[in-house]
Amino acid sequence: MVAQIEPEGAVRACSERLSIWPYRYEDLVAQLRSVGLTVQSTTFDPESDGYLVVASRDQARGTSEPAP
């Protein structure tokens, strides 16, 4: 699910159920960083079959991945 907050405050959401996870976690984080997004939270666990990543454009430069 992708949710985007519009300038007037409305939330636009789009979702698609994937039968596979096309990205390794490390690759996904690198792709997010490359477009200026910072991981805010994640459920990633190498022992789990799936995970959730929440990323946003952060005005302040910080770390690109939350501390474990």
C-alpha atoms as a PDB file:
ATOM      1  CA  MET A   1       0.000   0.000   0.000  1.00  0.00           C
ATOM      2  CA  VAL A   2       1.234   3.435  -0.875  1.00  0.00           C
ATOM      3  CA  ALA A   3      -0.381   6.443   0.803  1.00  0.00           C
ATOM      4  CA  GLN A   4       0.381   9.963  -0.335  1.00  0.00           C
ATOM      5  CA  ILE A   5      -0.746  13.022   1.592  1.00  0.00           C
ATOM      6  CA  GLU A   6      -1.852  15.681  -0.879  1.00  0.00           C
ATOM      7  CA  PRO A   7      -1.092  19.379  -0.234  1.00  0.00           C
ATOM      8  CA  GLU A   8      -4.716  20.055   0.809  1.00  0.00           C
ATOM      9  CA  GLY A   9      -4.510  17.198   3.353  1.00  0.00           C
ATOM     10  CA  ALA A  10      -6.379  14.473   1.468  1.00  0.00           C
ATOM     11  CA  VAL A  11      -4.848  10.998   1.545  1.00  0.00           C
ATOM     12  CA  ARG A  12      -4.510   9.114  -1.736  1.00  0.00           C
ATOM     13  CA  ALA A  13      -3.930   5.374  -1.346  1.00  0.00           C
ATOM     14  CA  CYS A  14      -3.042   2.662  -3.821  1.00  0.00           C
ATOM     15  CA  SER A  15      -2.387  -1.004  -3.113  1.00  0.00           C
ATOM     16  CA  GLU A  16      -1.407  -4.130  -4.942  1.00  0.00           C
ATOM     17  CA  ARG A  17      -0.988  -7.571  -3.396  1.00  0.00           C
ATOM     18  CA  LEU A  18       2.283  -9.149  -4.452  1.00  0.00           C
ATOM     19  CA  SER A  19       2.764 -12.889  -4.617  1.00  0.00           C
ATOM     20  CA  ILE A  20       6.531 -12.383  -4.472  1.00  0.00           C
ATOM     21  CA  TRP A  21       8.814  -9.836  -2.863  1.00  0.00           C
ATOM     22  CA  PRO A  22      10.798  -8.533  -5.852  1.00  0.00           C
ATOM     23  CA  TYR A  23      13.381  -6.651  -3.788  1.00  0.00           C
ATOM     24  CA  ARG A  24      15.923  -7.766  -1.260  1.00  0.00           C
ATOM     25  CA  TYR A  25      15.501  -5.496   1.754  1.00  0.00           C
ATOM     26  CA  GLU A  26      18.935  -3.921   1.290  1.00  0.00           C
ATOM     27  CA  ASP A  27      18.157  -3.168  -2.371  1.00  0.00           C
ATOM     28  CA  LEU A  28      14.820  -1.593  -1.488  1.00  0.00           C
ATOM     29  CA  VAL A  29      16.418   0.662   1.151  1.00  0.00           C
ATOM     30  CA  ALA A  30      19.104   1.699  -1.360  1.00  0.00           C
ATOM     31  CA  GLN A  31      16.435   2.505  -3.980  1.00  0.00           C
ATOM     32  CA  LEU A  32      14.460   4.558  -1.451  1.00  0.00           C
ATOM     33  CA  ARG A  33      17.603   6.503  -0.484  1.00  0.00           C
ATOM     34  CA  SER A  34      18.425   7.139  -4.143  1.00  0.00           C
ATOM     35  CA  VAL A  35      15.141   9.035  -4.581  1.00  0.00           C
ATOM     36  CA  GLY A  36      15.507  11.016  -1.356  1.00  0.00           C
ATOM     37  CA  LEU A  37      13.315   8.906   0.936  1.00  0.00           C
ATOM     38  CA  THR A  38      14.184   7.884   4.487  1.00  0.00           C
ATOM     39  CA  VAL A  39      12.944   4.683   6.111  1.00  0.00           C
ATOM     40  CA  GLN A  40      10.801   5.716   9.082  1.00  0.00           C
ATOM     41  CA  SER A  41       9.838   2.218  10.239  1.00  0.00           C
ATOM     42  CA  THR A  42      10.144  -1.365   9.060  1.00  0.00           C
ATOM     43  CA  THR A  43       8.988  -4.836  10.033  1.00  0.00           C
ATOM     44  CA  PHE A  44      11.879  -6.491   8.211  1.00  0.00           C
ATOM     45  CA  ASP A  45      13.055  -9.758   9.766  1.00  0.00           C
ATOM     46  CA  PRO A  46      15.318 -12.080   7.762  1.00  0.00           C
ATOM     47  CA  GLU A  47      13.345 -15.041   9.156  1.00  0.00           C
ATOM     48  CA  SER A  48       9.994 -13.697   7.906  1.00  0.00           C
ATOM     49  CA  ASP A  49       8.443 -14.162   4.460  1.00  0.00           C
ATOM     50  CA  GLY A  50       7.292 -10.554   4.088  1.00  0.00           C
ATOM     51  CA  TYR A  51       7.819  -7.117   5.540  1.00  0.00           C
ATOM     52  CA  LEU A  52       6.436  -3.594   5.617  1.00  0.00           C
ATOM     53  CA  VAL A  53       8.519  -0.477   5.036  1.00  0.00           C
ATOM     54  CA  VAL A  54       7.329   3.072   5.718  1.00  0.00           C
ATOM     55  CA  ALA A  55       9.445   5.765   4.082  1.00  0.00           C
ATOM     56  CA  SER A  56       9.054   9.485   3.655  1.00  0.00           C
ATOM     57  CA  ARG A  57      10.849  12.455   2.254  1.00  0.00           C
ATOM     58  CA  ASP A  58      12.664  13.947   5.202  1.00  0.00           C
ATOM     59  CA  GLN A  59      13.583  17.618   5.122  1.00  0.00           C
ATOM     60  CA  ALA A  60      16.319  17.133   7.715  1.00  0.00           C
ATOM     61  CA  ARG A  61      19.171  14.896   6.663  1.00  0.00           C
ATOM     62  CA  GLY A  62      19.338  11.956   8.999  1.00  0.00           C
ATOM     63  CA  THR A  63      19.955   8.279   8.835  1.00  0.00           C
ATOM     64  CA  SER A  64      18.322   6.350   6.058  1.00  0.00           C
ATOM     65  CA  GLU A  65      17.403   3.431   8.259  1.00  0.00           C
ATOM     66  CA  PRO A  66      16.038   3.333  11.794  1.00  0.00           C
ATOM     67  CA  ALA A  67      18.130   1.815  14.533  1.00  0.00           C
ATOM     68  CA  PRO A  68      17.241  -1.818  15.305  1.00  0.00           C
END
